[in-house]
Protein backbone atom coordinates (compact mmCIF):
# COMPACT_ATOMS: atom_id res chain seq x y z
CA MET A 1 1.04 19.16 -9.89
CA LEU A 2 3.46 17.16 -7.94
CA LYS A 3 6.82 17.01 -9.14
CA THR A 4 8.25 14.00 -9.94
CA ARG A 5 11.12 12.76 -7.65
CA ILE A 6 14.48 10.84 -8.27
CA ILE A 7 15.83 8.95 -5.15
CA PRO A 8 18.62 7.00 -4.54
CA THR A 9 18.65 3.95 -2.09
CA LEU A 10 21.18 3.25 0.40
CA LEU A 11 21.21 -0.65 1.73
CA PHE A 12 23.20 -0.76 4.68
CA LYS A 13 24.42 -4.18 6.37
CA ASP A 14 27.67 -4.55 8.88
CA ASP A 15 28.50 -0.95 8.52
CA SER A 16 28.66 -1.16 4.94
CA LEU A 17 27.09 -0.26 2.24
CA VAL A 18 25.62 -3.37 0.14
CA LYS A 19 23.72 -4.23 -2.89
CA GLY A 20 22.36 -7.74 -4.36
CA ILE A 21 19.94 -9.36 -6.66
CA LYS A 22 16.61 -10.13 -5.55
CA PHE A 23 17.59 -9.40 -2.10
CA ALA A 24 20.14 -11.93 -1.74
CA SER A 25 24.03 -12.44 -2.41
CA LYS A 26 24.78 -8.92 -0.84
CA ARG A 27 27.90 -7.83 -1.27
CA LYS A 28 29.98 -4.31 -0.28
CA ILE A 29 30.30 -1.90 -2.61
CA GLY A 30 32.15 0.87 -0.54
CA THR A 31 31.24 2.77 2.58
CA VAL A 32 27.66 4.91 2.99
CA MET A 33 29.06 8.20 4.30
CA GLN A 34 31.32 8.37 0.85
CA SER A 35 28.08 7.61 -1.38
CA VAL A 36 26.15 10.50 0.76
CA ARG A 37 28.83 12.91 0.05
CA VAL A 38 28.72 12.46 -3.80
CA TYR A 39 24.67 12.42 -4.18
CA ASN A 40 24.81 16.01 -2.27
CA MET A 41 26.20 16.66 -5.72
CA ARG A 42 24.79 15.43 -7.82
CA GLY A 43 21.00 16.97 -7.43
CA VAL A 44 19.17 14.17 -5.97
CA ASP A 45 15.63 14.79 -4.31
CA GLU A 46 15.81 12.75 -1.58
CA LEU A 47 17.73 9.71 -0.27
CA ILE A 48 16.62 6.56 1.19
CA PHE A 49 18.86 4.62 3.76
CA VAL A 50 17.53 1.74 5.09
CA ASP A 51 19.59 -1.24 7.43
CA ILE A 52 18.66 -4.27 5.83
CA VAL A 53 19.19 -6.87 8.73
CA ALA A 54 18.07 -5.00 11.75
CA TYR A 55 14.65 -5.99 11.70
CA ARG A 56 15.50 -9.42 10.76
CA ASN A 57 18.30 -9.42 13.47
CA ASN A 58 15.76 -8.18 16.71
CA ALA A 59 18.21 -4.80 16.52
CA ARG A 60 17.00 -1.08 16.71
CA PRO A 61 17.83 1.10 14.46
CA ASP A 62 21.55 2.06 14.69
CA PHE A 63 21.18 6.07 15.63
CA GLU A 64 24.66 7.08 15.78
CA THR A 65 25.23 6.32 11.97
CA VAL A 66 21.94 7.79 11.18
CA ASP A 67 23.39 10.66 13.08
CA GLU A 68 26.38 10.78 11.32
CA LEU A 69 24.79 10.48 7.74
CA ALA A 70 22.15 13.49 8.48
CA ASP A 71 24.95 15.73 9.48
CA GLU A 72 26.63 15.47 6.01
CA CYS A 73 23.19 14.78 4.44
CA PHE A 74 21.88 17.89 2.44
CA MET A 75 18.59 16.53 1.33
CA PRO A 76 15.76 14.89 2.92
CA LEU A 77 16.50 11.71 4.64
CA THR A 78 14.28 8.62 4.88
CA VAL A 79 15.50 5.99 7.13
CA GLY A 80 14.42 2.14 7.58
CA GLY A 81 15.24 -0.96 9.48
CA GLY A 82 14.73 -2.44 12.57
CA VAL A 83 11.40 0.29 13.05
CA ARG A 84 9.66 -1.51 15.89
CA SER A 85 8.04 1.34 18.09
CA ILE A 86 6.96 4.93 18.55
CA GLU A 87 10.64 5.10 20.44
CA ASP A 88 12.45 4.02 17.31
CA ILE A 89 10.48 6.35 15.03
CA LYS A 90 10.78 9.95 17.63
CA GLY A 91 14.91 8.37 17.99
CA LEU A 92 15.45 8.90 14.28
CA LEU A 93 13.58 11.84 13.67
CA LYS A 94 15.61 13.44 16.42
CA VAL A 95 18.73 12.13 14.91
CA GLY A 96 18.25 13.91 11.72
CA ALA A 97 16.17 11.37 9.58
CA ASP A 98 12.93 12.95 7.96
CA LYS A 99 11.34 10.33 7.34
CA VAL A 100 10.90 6.90 8.55
CA SER A 101 10.04 3.83 6.77
CA ILE A 102 8.31 1.15 8.30
CA GLY A 103 8.31 -2.10 6.80
CA SER A 104 7.92 -5.48 8.31
CA SER A 105 6.17 -3.73 11.58
CA ALA A 106 3.35 -2.78 9.11
CA VAL A 107 2.42 -6.45 8.89
CA PHE A 108 2.86 -7.41 12.47
CA ASN A 109 2.30 -4.56 14.11
CA PRO A 110 0.07 -1.53 12.30
CA GLN A 111 -1.03 0.27 14.86
CA ILE A 112 2.53 1.83 14.86
CA ILE A 113 1.51 3.31 11.65
CA SER A 114 -1.15 5.00 13.53
CA LEU A 115 0.55 6.06 16.37
CA GLY A 116 3.29 7.27 14.15
CA SER A 117 1.39 9.35 11.82
CA SER A 118 -1.00 11.13 14.65
CA LYS A 119 2.24 11.86 16.83
CA PHE A 120 4.70 13.16 14.20
CA GLY A 121 2.26 13.92 10.94
CA SER A 122 1.81 11.21 7.60
CA GLN A 123 3.99 13.02 5.78
CA ALA A 124 7.41 11.46 8.13
CA ILE A 125 5.70 8.00 7.69
CA VAL A 126 6.62 5.78 5.10
CA VAL A 127 5.73 2.35 4.42
CA SER A 128 7.70 -0.20 2.55
CA ILE A 129 6.05 -3.04 1.04
CA ASP A 130 8.09 -6.10 -0.54
CA VAL A 131 6.47 -7.96 -3.26
CA LYS A 132 7.18 -11.19 -4.44
CA LYS A 133 5.81 -12.79 -7.18
CA ILE A 134 4.15 -16.43 -6.91
CA GLY A 135 3.12 -17.94 -9.83
CA ASN A 136 0.73 -15.18 -11.07
CA GLU A 137 -0.29 -13.58 -7.58
CA TYR A 138 1.70 -10.93 -5.93
CA GLU A 139 2.27 -11.51 -2.14
CA VAL A 140 3.75 -9.13 0.49
CA PHE A 141 7.24 -10.52 1.98
CA THR A 142 8.75 -9.28 5.43
CA HIS A 143 12.14 -10.10 7.05
CA SER A 144 14.14 -8.64 4.12
CA GLY A 145 12.21 -10.74 1.75
CA THR A 146 12.83 -14.03 3.62
CA LYS A 147 8.90 -14.90 4.91
CA PRO A 148 5.60 -14.99 3.07
CA THR A 149 2.72 -13.26 4.43
CA GLY A 150 0.06 -14.25 2.54
CA ILE A 151 -0.67 -10.84 1.73
CA HIS A 152 -1.78 -9.10 -1.31
CA PRO A 153 0.27 -5.75 -1.64
CA THR A 154 -2.98 -4.37 -2.68
CA ASP A 155 -4.45 -4.95 0.68
CA LEU A 156 -1.75 -4.30 2.61
CA ALA A 157 -1.17 -0.78 0.87
CA LYS A 158 -5.36 0.08 1.37
CA LYS A 159 -4.55 -1.06 5.18
CA VAL A 160 -1.47 1.50 5.60
CA GLU A 161 -3.31 4.03 3.63
CA LYS A 162 -6.20 4.42 6.32
CA LEU A 163 -3.88 3.83 9.05
CA GLY A 164 -2.06 7.09 7.90
CA ALA A 165 0.79 5.89 5.70
CA GLY A 166 1.71 9.33 3.85
CA GLU A 167 3.63 7.70 1.42
CA ILE A 168 4.15 3.55 0.30
CA LEU A 169 8.29 2.51 -1.21
CA LEU A 170 6.92 -0.60 -2.97
CA THR A 171 9.77 -2.83 -3.93
CA SER A 172 9.41 -5.66 -6.19
CA ILE A 173 12.11 -8.26 -4.64
CA ASP A 174 12.06 -10.54 -8.41
CA LYS A 175 13.27 -6.81 -9.64
CA ASP A 176 15.76 -5.96 -7.53
CA GLY A 177 19.02 -5.55 -8.58
CA THR A 178 18.38 -7.10 -12.55
CA MET A 179 18.67 -3.07 -13.68
CA GLN A 180 15.91 -5.02 -16.15
CA GLY A 181 13.04 -2.41 -15.39
CA TYR A 182 10.88 -1.72 -12.90
CA ASP A 183 7.29 -4.19 -12.34
CA VAL A 184 5.31 -1.78 -13.76
CA ASP A 185 2.27 -3.86 -13.42
CA LEU A 186 2.82 -4.28 -9.61
CA VAL A 187 3.20 -0.72 -8.99
CA LYS A 188 0.30 -0.08 -11.29
CA ALA A 189 -2.38 -2.05 -9.07
CA ILE A 190 -0.54 -0.12 -5.80
CA THR A 191 -1.30 3.28 -7.76
CA GLU A 192 -4.93 2.52 -8.42
CA SER A 193 -5.96 1.47 -4.73
CA VAL A 194 -4.33 4.29 -3.41
CA ASN A 195 -4.60 7.92 -2.98
CA ILE A 196 -1.17 8.30 -1.25
CA PRO A 197 2.47 8.64 -3.32
CA VAL A 198 3.89 5.34 -4.29
CA ILE A 199 7.68 5.13 -5.01
CA ALA A 200 8.58 2.94 -7.13
CA SER A 201 11.56 0.34 -6.63
CA GLY A 202 13.16 -2.28 -7.83
CA GLY A 203 14.50 -3.40 -11.63
CA CYS A 204 15.82 0.62 -12.86
CA GLY A 205 18.40 -0.30 -15.47
CA LYS A 206 18.26 3.02 -17.76
CA TYR A 207 16.29 6.54 -17.75
CA GLU A 208 13.40 5.05 -19.74
CA ASP A 209 12.80 2.38 -16.86
CA MET A 210 11.95 5.55 -14.84
CA LEU A 211 9.55 7.26 -17.81
CA SER A 212 7.86 3.79 -18.13
CA VAL A 213 7.02 3.62 -14.41
CA VAL A 214 6.14 7.39 -14.21
CA LYS A 215 3.91 6.77 -17.48
CA GLN A 216 2.26 3.75 -17.23
CA GLY A 217 2.71 2.59 -13.26
CA ASN A 218 1.84 6.38 -12.18
CA ALA A 219 4.69 5.96 -9.74
CA SER A 220 5.08 9.59 -7.94
CA ALA A 221 8.67 8.90 -7.25
CA VAL A 222 11.67 6.31 -8.77
CA ALA A 223 13.93 4.96 -5.96
CA ALA A 224 16.91 3.08 -7.82
CA SER A 225 20.42 1.88 -6.95
CA SER A 226 22.46 -0.34 -9.14
CA ILE A 227 21.97 2.18 -12.00
CA PHE A 228 23.70 4.67 -9.68
CA GLN A 229 26.23 2.63 -8.29
CA PHE A 230 27.39 0.55 -11.47
CA THR A 231 26.94 2.34 -14.75
CA GLU A 232 27.80 6.19 -15.08
CA GLN A 233 23.89 7.21 -15.62
CA THR A 234 23.35 10.20 -12.95
CA PRO A 235 20.60 11.36 -10.98
CA LEU A 236 20.62 15.16 -12.89
CA GLU A 237 20.88 13.03 -16.64
CA ALA A 238 17.41 11.16 -15.20
CA LYS A 239 16.01 14.29 -14.70
CA LYS A 240 16.74 16.08 -17.61
CA TYR A 241 15.80 12.86 -19.73
CA LEU A 242 12.51 12.49 -17.86
CA LYS A 243 11.53 16.44 -18.27
CA ASN A 244 12.52 16.20 -21.85
CA LYS A 245 9.69 13.83 -21.89
CA GLY A 246 6.91 15.46 -20.48
CA ILE A 247 7.61 14.80 -16.87
CA ASN A 248 7.16 17.51 -14.13
CA VAL A 249 10.85 17.21 -12.27
CA ARG A 250 13.39 19.70 -10.20
CA ILE A 251 16.40 20.31 -12.12
């Protein structure tokens, strides 16, 4: 049985670590390198690093920064932001990323998923799906949550699985940064639609939120940012809590 992973998320913009609410009002909260060094000591399973403006600004991934981070990061590192081509995937893996997260390109250039998985292995390809609820329906948004696509997330999830994605990073834009809990219904809809692991993201404020999205939403992993940046709660304590509740985690 696979162990449930706890994955801190680092959002990068203009050389700084940032955090906001519902993909808006991003404010600087420190340096990425400092956070990486802290997480090295806190027993996290993996780390997600995303440049949130690269794709929107038509920029390539910041290979130099990723190279520096990878030298200091002693855990598996997933990197996203600005990925448009096989060359971008290859470049990120070359400088130290263990996995590459593909977001907007999964919608506009989906063949990058099949090409990437065939060349580098599906385990290296993560597809990031950002979702907002419009009325009673869920919809995929691209360009850091600024552009609607008219695509239902379950449809995109099924498509990227067929194309060879190794896992899905699923983020609720409505829940992002609110610390009011994950959108369990959204996560459950996706986990019931695909057979690949789904990482739940957006809204974690307490350990109980992690438990709910794992038990009720069947998430394979939980990604979180604000809970670790703005409270005294830690990844290790989160894993101890989940273990005591019967969740299979790596301590």
